[in-house]
N, C-alpha and C. Protein backbone atom coordinates (compact mmCIF):
# COMPACT_ATOMS: atom_id res chain seq x y z
N MET A 1 61.71 89.41 87.90
CA MET A 1 60.44 90.11 87.96
C MET A 1 59.96 90.46 86.56
N GLN A 2 58.70 90.27 86.33
CA GLN A 2 58.07 90.65 85.08
C GLN A 2 56.66 91.16 85.36
N ILE A 3 56.33 92.26 84.73
CA ILE A 3 55.00 92.85 84.86
C ILE A 3 54.34 92.85 83.48
N GLN A 4 53.14 92.32 83.37
CA GLN A 4 52.45 92.24 82.09
C GLN A 4 51.12 92.97 82.17
N LEU A 5 50.86 93.80 81.16
CA LEU A 5 49.55 94.39 80.96
C LEU A 5 48.89 93.65 79.84
N ILE A 6 47.68 93.12 80.11
CA ILE A 6 46.97 92.29 79.12
C ILE A 6 45.66 93.00 78.77
N ASN A 7 45.60 93.50 77.54
CA ASN A 7 44.42 94.22 77.04
C ASN A 7 43.93 95.29 78.03
N ALA A 8 44.90 95.96 78.65
CA ALA A 8 44.55 96.95 79.70
C ALA A 8 44.04 98.22 79.10
N GLY A 9 43.04 98.78 79.72
CA GLY A 9 42.49 100.06 79.30
C GLY A 9 42.02 100.86 80.53
N LYS A 10 41.97 102.16 80.36
CA LYS A 10 41.49 103.00 81.45
C LYS A 10 40.62 104.11 80.88
N ARG A 11 39.48 104.30 81.51
CA ARG A 11 38.62 105.40 81.12
C ARG A 11 38.18 106.16 82.37
N PHE A 12 37.85 107.45 82.18
CA PHE A 12 37.25 108.29 83.20
C PHE A 12 35.90 108.71 82.66
N ASN A 13 34.83 108.34 83.37
CA ASN A 13 33.49 108.52 82.86
C ASN A 13 33.35 107.74 81.57
N LYS A 14 33.02 108.39 80.48
CA LYS A 14 32.85 107.65 79.22
C LYS A 14 34.04 107.82 78.28
N GLU A 15 35.07 108.55 78.73
CA GLU A 15 36.20 108.85 77.85
C GLU A 15 37.33 107.85 78.12
N TRP A 16 37.73 107.14 77.11
CA TRP A 16 38.87 106.21 77.20
C TRP A 16 40.15 107.00 77.06
N ILE A 17 41.06 106.73 78.00
CA ILE A 17 42.38 107.35 77.94
C ILE A 17 43.29 106.52 77.04
N PHE A 18 43.25 105.19 77.23
CA PHE A 18 43.94 104.26 76.33
C PHE A 18 43.21 102.94 76.43
N ARG A 19 43.45 102.09 75.42
CA ARG A 19 42.79 100.77 75.38
C ARG A 19 43.74 99.74 74.80
N LYS A 20 43.49 98.50 75.17
CA LYS A 20 44.17 97.32 74.57
C LYS A 20 45.70 97.42 74.66
N LEU A 21 46.15 97.81 75.84
CA LEU A 21 47.60 97.81 76.07
C LEU A 21 48.06 96.38 76.39
N ASN A 22 48.95 95.88 75.58
CA ASN A 22 49.59 94.59 75.83
C ASN A 22 51.09 94.86 75.92
N LEU A 23 51.57 94.98 77.15
CA LEU A 23 52.94 95.38 77.37
C LEU A 23 53.59 94.44 78.40
N THR A 24 54.89 94.23 78.23
CA THR A 24 55.66 93.43 79.18
C THR A 24 56.84 94.23 79.63
N PHE A 25 57.03 94.30 80.96
CA PHE A 25 58.18 94.96 81.54
C PHE A 25 59.02 93.92 82.28
N ASN A 26 60.27 93.78 81.89
CA ASN A 26 61.14 92.75 82.44
C ASN A 26 62.22 93.32 83.37
N SER A 27 62.69 92.50 84.27
CA SER A 27 63.77 92.92 85.16
C SER A 27 64.94 93.51 84.35
N GLY A 28 65.45 94.63 84.82
CA GLY A 28 66.57 95.24 84.13
C GLY A 28 66.17 96.13 82.95
N GLY A 29 64.88 96.12 82.58
CA GLY A 29 64.43 96.93 81.48
C GLY A 29 64.38 98.39 81.81
N ARG A 30 64.61 99.20 80.79
CA ARG A 30 64.57 100.66 80.93
C ARG A 30 63.56 101.21 79.92
N TYR A 31 62.40 101.66 80.41
CA TYR A 31 61.27 101.99 79.55
C TYR A 31 60.88 103.45 79.67
N ALA A 32 60.70 104.13 78.54
CA ALA A 32 60.19 105.48 78.50
C ALA A 32 58.75 105.46 78.03
N ILE A 33 57.85 106.03 78.78
CA ILE A 33 56.45 106.18 78.39
C ILE A 33 56.30 107.59 77.83
N ILE A 34 56.03 107.71 76.55
CA ILE A 34 55.96 109.03 75.92
C ILE A 34 54.58 109.26 75.30
N GLY A 35 54.33 110.48 74.91
CA GLY A 35 53.04 110.85 74.31
C GLY A 35 52.69 112.25 74.67
N PRO A 36 51.85 112.90 73.90
CA PRO A 36 51.48 114.30 74.18
C PRO A 36 50.71 114.43 75.49
N ASN A 37 50.61 115.67 75.95
CA ASN A 37 49.82 115.93 77.18
C ASN A 37 48.41 115.38 77.03
N GLY A 38 47.95 114.69 78.05
CA GLY A 38 46.61 114.11 78.02
C GLY A 38 46.52 112.75 77.40
N SER A 39 47.67 112.20 76.99
CA SER A 39 47.65 110.87 76.34
C SER A 39 47.59 109.72 77.34
N GLY A 40 47.83 110.00 78.63
CA GLY A 40 47.68 108.97 79.62
C GLY A 40 48.96 108.47 80.26
N LYS A 41 50.06 109.20 80.13
CA LYS A 41 51.34 108.76 80.71
C LYS A 41 51.22 108.56 82.21
N SER A 42 50.75 109.60 82.90
CA SER A 42 50.62 109.52 84.36
C SER A 42 49.59 108.46 84.76
N THR A 43 48.52 108.35 84.01
CA THR A 43 47.50 107.36 84.31
C THR A 43 48.07 105.95 84.21
N LEU A 44 48.83 105.71 83.16
CA LEU A 44 49.44 104.37 83.01
C LEU A 44 50.41 104.07 84.12
N LEU A 45 51.21 105.03 84.50
CA LEU A 45 52.18 104.76 85.57
C LEU A 45 51.49 104.50 86.91
N GLN A 46 50.42 105.25 87.18
CA GLN A 46 49.66 105.00 88.40
C GLN A 46 48.97 103.64 88.37
N LEU A 47 48.56 103.23 87.19
CA LEU A 47 47.93 101.91 87.02
C LEU A 47 48.93 100.82 87.36
N ILE A 48 50.15 100.91 86.81
CA ILE A 48 51.18 99.92 87.06
C ILE A 48 51.59 99.90 88.54
N ALA A 49 51.61 101.09 89.13
CA ALA A 49 52.00 101.20 90.55
C ALA A 49 50.91 100.70 91.49
N GLY A 50 49.68 100.45 90.97
CA GLY A 50 48.59 99.98 91.79
C GLY A 50 47.81 101.05 92.48
N TYR A 51 48.03 102.32 92.10
CA TYR A 51 47.29 103.43 92.70
C TYR A 51 45.85 103.50 92.18
N ILE A 52 45.65 103.08 90.94
CA ILE A 52 44.30 103.02 90.35
C ILE A 52 44.13 101.68 89.67
N GLN A 53 42.90 101.32 89.39
CA GLN A 53 42.61 100.01 88.78
C GLN A 53 42.27 100.18 87.30
N PRO A 54 42.59 99.17 86.47
CA PRO A 54 42.20 99.26 85.05
C PRO A 54 40.69 99.18 84.88
N SER A 55 40.18 99.80 83.83
CA SER A 55 38.74 99.71 83.53
C SER A 55 38.45 98.47 82.73
N GLU A 56 39.47 97.93 82.06
CA GLU A 56 39.35 96.67 81.33
C GLU A 56 40.74 96.02 81.30
N GLY A 57 40.74 94.74 81.06
CA GLY A 57 42.01 94.03 81.02
C GLY A 57 42.59 93.78 82.42
N SER A 58 43.84 93.43 82.48
CA SER A 58 44.46 93.09 83.77
C SER A 58 45.96 93.39 83.75
N ILE A 59 46.49 93.40 84.96
CA ILE A 59 47.94 93.50 85.16
C ILE A 59 48.37 92.28 85.94
N GLN A 60 49.38 91.56 85.44
CA GLN A 60 49.81 90.32 86.07
C GLN A 60 51.30 90.34 86.22
N THR A 61 51.77 89.52 87.18
CA THR A 61 53.20 89.31 87.33
C THR A 61 53.48 87.81 87.33
N GLU A 62 54.74 87.49 87.09
CA GLU A 62 55.10 86.06 87.06
C GLU A 62 54.90 85.41 88.41
N SER A 63 54.95 86.22 89.49
CA SER A 63 54.77 85.68 90.82
C SER A 63 53.32 85.64 91.26
N GLY A 64 52.44 86.18 90.39
CA GLY A 64 51.01 86.17 90.70
C GLY A 64 50.58 87.29 91.61
N LEU A 65 51.47 88.26 91.91
CA LEU A 65 51.11 89.37 92.77
C LEU A 65 50.19 90.34 92.01
N SER A 66 49.21 90.88 92.70
CA SER A 66 48.38 91.93 92.10
C SER A 66 49.16 93.23 92.14
N PRO A 67 48.81 94.21 91.29
CA PRO A 67 49.57 95.45 91.20
C PRO A 67 49.75 96.16 92.54
N GLU A 68 48.69 96.16 93.37
CA GLU A 68 48.82 96.90 94.64
C GLU A 68 49.80 96.25 95.59
N ASN A 69 50.21 95.00 95.29
CA ASN A 69 51.18 94.32 96.16
C ASN A 69 52.57 94.23 95.54
N LEU A 70 52.76 94.87 94.41
CA LEU A 70 54.06 94.88 93.76
C LEU A 70 55.06 95.71 94.57
N SER A 71 56.33 95.39 94.43
CA SER A 71 57.38 96.17 95.08
C SER A 71 57.77 97.31 94.17
N VAL A 72 57.06 98.43 94.29
CA VAL A 72 57.22 99.57 93.41
C VAL A 72 57.54 100.81 94.20
N ALA A 73 58.43 101.65 93.68
CA ALA A 73 58.67 102.98 94.22
C ALA A 73 58.31 103.99 93.15
N LEU A 74 57.52 105.00 93.52
CA LEU A 74 57.01 105.99 92.57
C LEU A 74 57.36 107.40 93.03
N ALA A 75 57.84 108.22 92.08
CA ALA A 75 58.05 109.65 92.32
C ALA A 75 57.35 110.41 91.23
N ALA A 76 56.56 111.41 91.62
CA ALA A 76 55.81 112.19 90.64
C ALA A 76 55.50 113.57 91.24
N PRO A 77 55.44 114.62 90.41
CA PRO A 77 55.17 115.94 90.94
C PRO A 77 53.83 116.04 91.69
N TYR A 78 52.84 115.24 91.31
CA TYR A 78 51.51 115.34 91.92
C TYR A 78 51.42 114.54 93.26
N LEU A 79 52.41 113.79 93.61
CA LEU A 79 52.41 113.10 94.90
C LEU A 79 52.76 114.11 95.99
N GLU A 80 52.06 114.06 97.08
CA GLU A 80 52.25 115.03 98.16
C GLU A 80 53.14 114.46 99.27
N LEU A 81 53.97 115.33 99.83
CA LEU A 81 54.70 115.03 101.03
C LEU A 81 53.89 115.53 102.23
N MET A 82 54.24 115.08 103.42
CA MET A 82 53.54 115.53 104.64
C MET A 82 54.21 116.82 105.11
N GLU A 83 53.62 117.94 104.69
CA GLU A 83 54.28 119.21 104.82
C GLU A 83 54.42 119.71 106.23
N GLU A 84 53.67 119.17 107.16
CA GLU A 84 53.83 119.61 108.56
C GLU A 84 55.03 118.94 109.21
N MET A 85 55.56 117.90 108.57
CA MET A 85 56.74 117.21 109.08
C MET A 85 58.02 117.90 108.62
N THR A 86 59.10 117.69 109.35
CA THR A 86 60.42 118.05 108.83
C THR A 86 60.84 117.00 107.84
N ALA A 87 61.89 117.29 107.08
CA ALA A 87 62.40 116.33 106.07
C ALA A 87 62.80 115.04 106.76
N LEU A 88 63.49 115.12 107.91
CA LEU A 88 63.94 113.93 108.58
C LEU A 88 62.74 113.13 109.12
N GLU A 89 61.74 113.83 109.64
CA GLU A 89 60.54 113.11 110.10
C GLU A 89 59.86 112.40 108.95
N GLN A 90 59.78 113.06 107.78
CA GLN A 90 59.15 112.44 106.61
C GLN A 90 59.88 111.18 106.19
N VAL A 91 61.20 111.22 106.16
CA VAL A 91 61.96 110.05 105.74
C VAL A 91 61.82 108.92 106.78
N ARG A 92 61.84 109.27 108.04
CA ARG A 92 61.68 108.24 109.08
C ARG A 92 60.28 107.64 109.02
N PHE A 93 59.27 108.47 108.76
CA PHE A 93 57.91 107.99 108.63
C PHE A 93 57.82 107.01 107.44
N HIS A 94 58.41 107.40 106.29
CA HIS A 94 58.43 106.53 105.13
C HIS A 94 59.13 105.19 105.46
N HIS A 95 60.24 105.31 106.18
CA HIS A 95 61.03 104.12 106.54
C HIS A 95 60.23 103.17 107.45
N GLY A 96 59.23 103.67 108.13
CA GLY A 96 58.38 102.81 108.94
C GLY A 96 57.52 101.89 108.13
N PHE A 97 57.33 102.20 106.85
CA PHE A 97 56.50 101.37 105.97
C PHE A 97 57.31 100.66 104.88
N ARG A 98 58.40 101.27 104.46
CA ARG A 98 59.22 100.74 103.36
C ARG A 98 60.66 100.71 103.75
N LYS A 99 61.34 99.63 103.39
CA LYS A 99 62.76 99.51 103.69
C LYS A 99 63.58 100.43 102.78
N LEU A 100 64.52 101.16 103.41
CA LEU A 100 65.39 102.05 102.65
C LEU A 100 66.78 101.43 102.50
N LYS A 101 67.47 101.84 101.43
CA LYS A 101 68.83 101.40 101.18
C LYS A 101 69.84 102.21 101.98
N LEU A 102 69.43 103.36 102.48
CA LEU A 102 70.30 104.24 103.25
C LEU A 102 69.55 104.59 104.56
N SER A 103 70.33 105.04 105.54
CA SER A 103 69.71 105.57 106.75
C SER A 103 68.99 106.88 106.36
N PRO A 104 68.00 107.31 107.15
CA PRO A 104 67.33 108.57 106.83
C PRO A 104 68.30 109.74 106.71
N GLU A 105 69.30 109.79 107.58
CA GLU A 105 70.27 110.89 107.51
C GLU A 105 71.11 110.81 106.28
N ALA A 106 71.53 109.58 105.88
CA ALA A 106 72.34 109.41 104.68
C ALA A 106 71.53 109.73 103.43
N LEU A 107 70.25 109.39 103.46
CA LEU A 107 69.38 109.69 102.30
C LEU A 107 69.30 111.20 102.08
N LEU A 108 69.10 111.95 103.15
CA LEU A 108 69.00 113.39 103.02
C LEU A 108 70.33 113.99 102.56
N LYS A 109 71.41 113.44 103.02
CA LYS A 109 72.72 113.91 102.57
C LYS A 109 72.94 113.63 101.08
N ALA A 110 72.50 112.43 100.64
CA ALA A 110 72.61 112.09 99.21
C ALA A 110 71.82 113.03 98.35
N ALA A 111 70.70 113.55 98.89
CA ALA A 111 69.83 114.48 98.15
C ALA A 111 70.28 115.93 98.30
N GLY A 112 71.36 116.16 99.04
CA GLY A 112 71.83 117.53 99.28
C GLY A 112 70.92 118.32 100.20
N LEU A 113 70.18 117.62 101.05
CA LEU A 113 69.20 118.27 101.92
C LEU A 113 69.57 118.15 103.41
N GLU A 114 70.82 117.78 103.68
CA GLU A 114 71.20 117.54 105.09
C GLU A 114 71.04 118.81 105.93
N ASN A 115 71.28 119.95 105.35
CA ASN A 115 71.19 121.21 106.10
C ASN A 115 69.73 121.63 106.32
N ALA A 116 68.81 120.96 105.65
CA ALA A 116 67.40 121.27 105.81
C ALA A 116 66.63 120.13 106.49
N SER A 117 67.36 119.22 107.13
CA SER A 117 66.75 118.02 107.67
C SER A 117 65.73 118.33 108.77
N HIS A 118 65.90 119.43 109.49
CA HIS A 118 64.98 119.77 110.59
C HIS A 118 64.05 120.91 110.22
N LYS A 119 63.99 121.18 108.93
CA LYS A 119 63.11 122.26 108.40
C LYS A 119 61.79 121.65 107.99
N PRO A 120 60.67 122.24 108.39
CA PRO A 120 59.37 121.74 107.93
C PRO A 120 59.27 121.78 106.38
N ILE A 121 58.71 120.74 105.81
CA ILE A 121 58.64 120.62 104.36
C ILE A 121 57.80 121.74 103.74
N CYS A 122 56.85 122.29 104.52
CA CYS A 122 56.05 123.40 103.98
C CYS A 122 56.89 124.61 103.62
N TYR A 123 58.08 124.71 104.16
CA TYR A 123 58.99 125.82 103.83
C TYR A 123 60.02 125.46 102.76
N PHE A 124 59.91 124.25 102.21
CA PHE A 124 60.82 123.84 101.10
C PHE A 124 60.37 124.52 99.83
N SER A 125 61.38 124.78 98.96
CA SER A 125 61.06 125.22 97.60
C SER A 125 60.53 124.01 96.82
N SER A 126 59.93 124.23 95.67
CA SER A 126 59.40 123.14 94.85
C SER A 126 60.53 122.20 94.43
N GLY A 127 61.71 122.76 94.17
CA GLY A 127 62.85 121.92 93.77
C GLY A 127 63.31 121.03 94.92
N MET A 128 63.35 121.57 96.13
CA MET A 128 63.73 120.76 97.29
C MET A 128 62.76 119.63 97.51
N LYS A 129 61.46 119.91 97.37
CA LYS A 129 60.44 118.87 97.51
C LYS A 129 60.65 117.77 96.46
N GLN A 130 60.95 118.17 95.24
CA GLN A 130 61.15 117.17 94.19
C GLN A 130 62.39 116.31 94.46
N ARG A 131 63.44 116.92 94.96
CA ARG A 131 64.64 116.15 95.34
C ARG A 131 64.29 115.10 96.39
N LEU A 132 63.48 115.51 97.36
CA LEU A 132 63.13 114.57 98.45
C LEU A 132 62.26 113.44 97.90
N LYS A 133 61.32 113.75 97.03
CA LYS A 133 60.48 112.70 96.42
C LYS A 133 61.34 111.72 95.64
N LEU A 134 62.26 112.25 94.85
CA LEU A 134 63.14 111.37 94.05
C LEU A 134 64.02 110.51 94.95
N ALA A 135 64.57 111.12 95.99
CA ALA A 135 65.45 110.38 96.89
C ALA A 135 64.69 109.22 97.55
N LEU A 136 63.45 109.51 97.99
CA LEU A 136 62.63 108.46 98.61
C LEU A 136 62.39 107.30 97.63
N ALA A 137 62.16 107.64 96.36
CA ALA A 137 61.88 106.59 95.38
C ALA A 137 63.16 105.82 95.03
N PHE A 138 64.23 106.52 94.76
CA PHE A 138 65.47 105.89 94.35
C PHE A 138 66.02 104.96 95.45
N PHE A 139 65.92 105.41 96.70
CA PHE A 139 66.57 104.69 97.80
C PHE A 139 65.62 103.81 98.61
N THR A 140 64.39 103.62 98.10
CA THR A 140 63.49 102.62 98.67
C THR A 140 63.76 101.28 98.02
N GLU A 141 63.86 100.22 98.82
CA GLU A 141 64.05 98.88 98.24
C GLU A 141 62.81 98.51 97.44
N SER A 142 62.98 98.25 96.15
CA SER A 142 61.85 97.89 95.30
C SER A 142 62.36 97.22 94.04
N ASP A 143 61.52 96.39 93.44
CA ASP A 143 61.85 95.74 92.17
C ASP A 143 61.68 96.70 91.00
N SER A 144 60.78 97.70 91.15
CA SER A 144 60.46 98.61 90.05
C SER A 144 60.56 100.05 90.56
N LEU A 145 61.09 100.91 89.70
CA LEU A 145 61.16 102.34 89.99
C LEU A 145 60.38 103.06 88.90
N ILE A 146 59.37 103.81 89.30
CA ILE A 146 58.51 104.54 88.35
C ILE A 146 58.66 106.03 88.62
N LEU A 147 59.04 106.74 87.56
CA LEU A 147 59.30 108.18 87.67
C LEU A 147 58.42 108.93 86.65
N ASP A 148 57.67 109.88 87.11
CA ASP A 148 56.82 110.69 86.23
C ASP A 148 57.38 112.11 86.20
N GLU A 149 57.85 112.53 85.02
CA GLU A 149 58.44 113.85 84.85
C GLU A 149 59.44 114.16 85.98
N PRO A 150 60.50 113.35 86.08
CA PRO A 150 61.34 113.37 87.27
C PRO A 150 62.12 114.65 87.53
N THR A 151 62.44 115.44 86.50
CA THR A 151 63.25 116.63 86.76
C THR A 151 62.43 117.89 86.88
N THR A 152 61.10 117.76 87.02
CA THR A 152 60.25 118.91 87.23
C THR A 152 60.73 119.73 88.44
N ASN A 153 60.94 121.01 88.24
CA ASN A 153 61.33 121.96 89.28
C ASN A 153 62.78 121.82 89.75
N LEU A 154 63.57 120.95 89.13
CA LEU A 154 64.95 120.78 89.58
C LEU A 154 65.86 121.82 88.92
N ASP A 155 66.84 122.30 89.67
CA ASP A 155 67.89 123.18 89.11
C ASP A 155 69.00 122.27 88.53
N GLU A 156 70.06 122.91 88.02
CA GLU A 156 71.12 122.10 87.37
C GLU A 156 71.74 121.09 88.32
N GLN A 157 71.93 121.49 89.59
CA GLN A 157 72.54 120.58 90.58
C GLN A 157 71.58 119.39 90.81
N GLY A 158 70.28 119.65 90.90
CA GLY A 158 69.32 118.58 91.09
C GLY A 158 69.27 117.66 89.90
N ILE A 159 69.34 118.19 88.72
CA ILE A 159 69.37 117.35 87.49
C ILE A 159 70.60 116.48 87.45
N GLU A 160 71.73 117.02 87.88
CA GLU A 160 72.95 116.22 87.91
C GLU A 160 72.85 115.08 88.92
N LEU A 161 72.21 115.36 90.08
CA LEU A 161 71.96 114.28 91.05
C LEU A 161 71.12 113.19 90.43
N TYR A 162 70.06 113.60 89.76
CA TYR A 162 69.16 112.66 89.11
C TYR A 162 69.91 111.76 88.10
N ARG A 163 70.73 112.39 87.29
CA ARG A 163 71.47 111.65 86.27
C ARG A 163 72.47 110.66 86.93
N ASN A 164 73.08 111.07 88.01
CA ASN A 164 74.01 110.16 88.72
C ASN A 164 73.28 108.97 89.33
N TRP A 165 72.09 109.25 89.93
CA TRP A 165 71.31 108.16 90.52
C TRP A 165 70.85 107.17 89.45
N ILE A 166 70.41 107.70 88.32
CA ILE A 166 70.00 106.81 87.21
C ILE A 166 71.18 105.96 86.75
N SER A 167 72.34 106.58 86.60
CA SER A 167 73.51 105.86 86.10
C SER A 167 73.98 104.77 87.05
N ASN A 168 73.65 104.91 88.33
CA ASN A 168 74.05 103.91 89.32
C ASN A 168 72.91 103.02 89.79
N LEU A 169 71.82 102.99 89.01
CA LEU A 169 70.66 102.19 89.36
C LEU A 169 70.98 100.68 89.32
N ASP A 170 70.40 99.95 90.25
CA ASP A 170 70.53 98.48 90.27
C ASP A 170 70.16 97.94 88.89
N PRO A 171 71.06 97.21 88.23
CA PRO A 171 70.79 96.73 86.88
C PRO A 171 69.60 95.78 86.76
N GLN A 172 69.14 95.22 87.84
CA GLN A 172 67.99 94.29 87.82
C GLN A 172 66.67 95.02 88.06
N ARG A 173 66.71 96.27 88.45
CA ARG A 173 65.48 97.01 88.79
C ARG A 173 64.82 97.44 87.48
N ILE A 174 63.50 97.26 87.41
CA ILE A 174 62.71 97.76 86.27
C ILE A 174 62.60 99.28 86.43
N LEU A 175 62.90 100.02 85.37
CA LEU A 175 62.78 101.48 85.40
C LEU A 175 61.76 101.92 84.35
N MET A 176 60.79 102.72 84.77
CA MET A 176 59.80 103.29 83.86
C MET A 176 59.78 104.81 84.10
N ILE A 177 59.92 105.56 83.00
CA ILE A 177 59.93 107.01 83.08
C ILE A 177 58.87 107.58 82.16
N GLY A 178 57.94 108.34 82.72
CA GLY A 178 56.93 109.03 81.92
C GLY A 178 57.41 110.45 81.63
N SER A 179 57.63 110.74 80.36
CA SER A 179 58.17 112.06 80.03
C SER A 179 58.13 112.28 78.52
N ASN A 180 58.20 113.56 78.11
CA ASN A 180 58.45 113.90 76.73
C ASN A 180 59.77 114.62 76.55
N ASP A 181 60.57 114.58 77.59
CA ASP A 181 61.88 115.26 77.57
C ASP A 181 62.98 114.16 77.49
N LYS A 182 63.65 114.14 76.35
CA LYS A 182 64.66 113.08 76.15
C LYS A 182 65.76 113.12 77.19
N SER A 183 66.04 114.27 77.76
CA SER A 183 67.09 114.34 78.77
C SER A 183 66.66 113.62 80.06
N GLU A 184 65.36 113.42 80.25
CA GLU A 184 64.89 112.68 81.42
C GLU A 184 64.96 111.17 81.22
N TYR A 185 64.75 110.71 79.96
CA TYR A 185 64.77 109.29 79.71
C TYR A 185 65.96 108.88 78.84
N PHE A 186 67.10 109.56 79.04
CA PHE A 186 68.28 109.30 78.24
C PHE A 186 68.79 107.88 78.36
N CYS A 187 68.46 107.22 79.47
CA CYS A 187 68.98 105.88 79.70
C CYS A 187 68.05 104.78 79.18
N CYS A 188 66.89 105.15 78.67
CA CYS A 188 65.88 104.14 78.29
C CYS A 188 66.14 103.62 76.88
N ASP A 189 66.03 102.29 76.76
CA ASP A 189 66.24 101.67 75.44
C ASP A 189 64.94 101.23 74.78
N THR A 190 63.83 101.35 75.51
CA THR A 190 62.52 100.98 74.94
C THR A 190 61.56 102.17 75.08
N LEU A 191 61.01 102.62 73.98
CA LEU A 191 60.04 103.73 74.00
C LEU A 191 58.64 103.17 73.77
N ILE A 192 57.70 103.57 74.61
CA ILE A 192 56.30 103.18 74.48
C ILE A 192 55.51 104.47 74.24
N ASP A 193 54.99 104.62 73.02
CA ASP A 193 54.27 105.85 72.64
C ASP A 193 52.78 105.59 72.79
N LEU A 194 52.13 106.30 73.72
CA LEU A 194 50.73 106.06 74.02
C LEU A 194 49.81 106.50 72.88
N ARG A 195 50.30 107.20 71.92
CA ARG A 195 49.49 107.51 70.75
C ARG A 195 49.11 106.25 69.97
N ASP A 196 49.87 105.22 70.20
CA ASP A 196 49.59 103.94 69.52
C ASP A 196 48.42 103.18 70.17
N PHE A 197 47.92 103.69 71.33
CA PHE A 197 46.91 102.94 72.06
C PHE A 197 45.68 103.79 72.38
N SER A 198 45.53 104.94 71.72
CA SER A 198 44.40 105.81 72.01
C SER A 198 43.15 105.37 71.28
């Protein structure tokens, strides 16, 4: 798998967030997207995931798939869970659209949420919600894993879970992490600083 951004740019109204991005992401690559607040880290990750479209340029893959058809799993603090559902219902609902590497029950156990599996998500703490988002991303079958500020709201136990999942990631999976915290992208060997593209 290879994802290429060719002269990609994104603007909102008349303000350009970034321009002329020429980047290549290869299978097994570990990439950190860094830059100050407002530099476009989240925007770039959503662009690659196919959530939004570029204002200029294009995103291509070696297989010719468009971004919205890529096999991508995304976890980010701004993504919402279905709060009227229980955790188990949410995972089963997700599993109806995306193949999981674990059963719904095993996924919740891996996230340390097995005792809250029948609890409505609206009663979860912010840290519990983040654990569930991360677990859904890590354990969804996908060629690419995109994480935006992954340890937001996590306690020490949650951060340790995150580090263990990263350490055991499929070596062929593309990993992209948007963050300014080195402890979040400790595993990344390629840094992409968006200040170079403003």
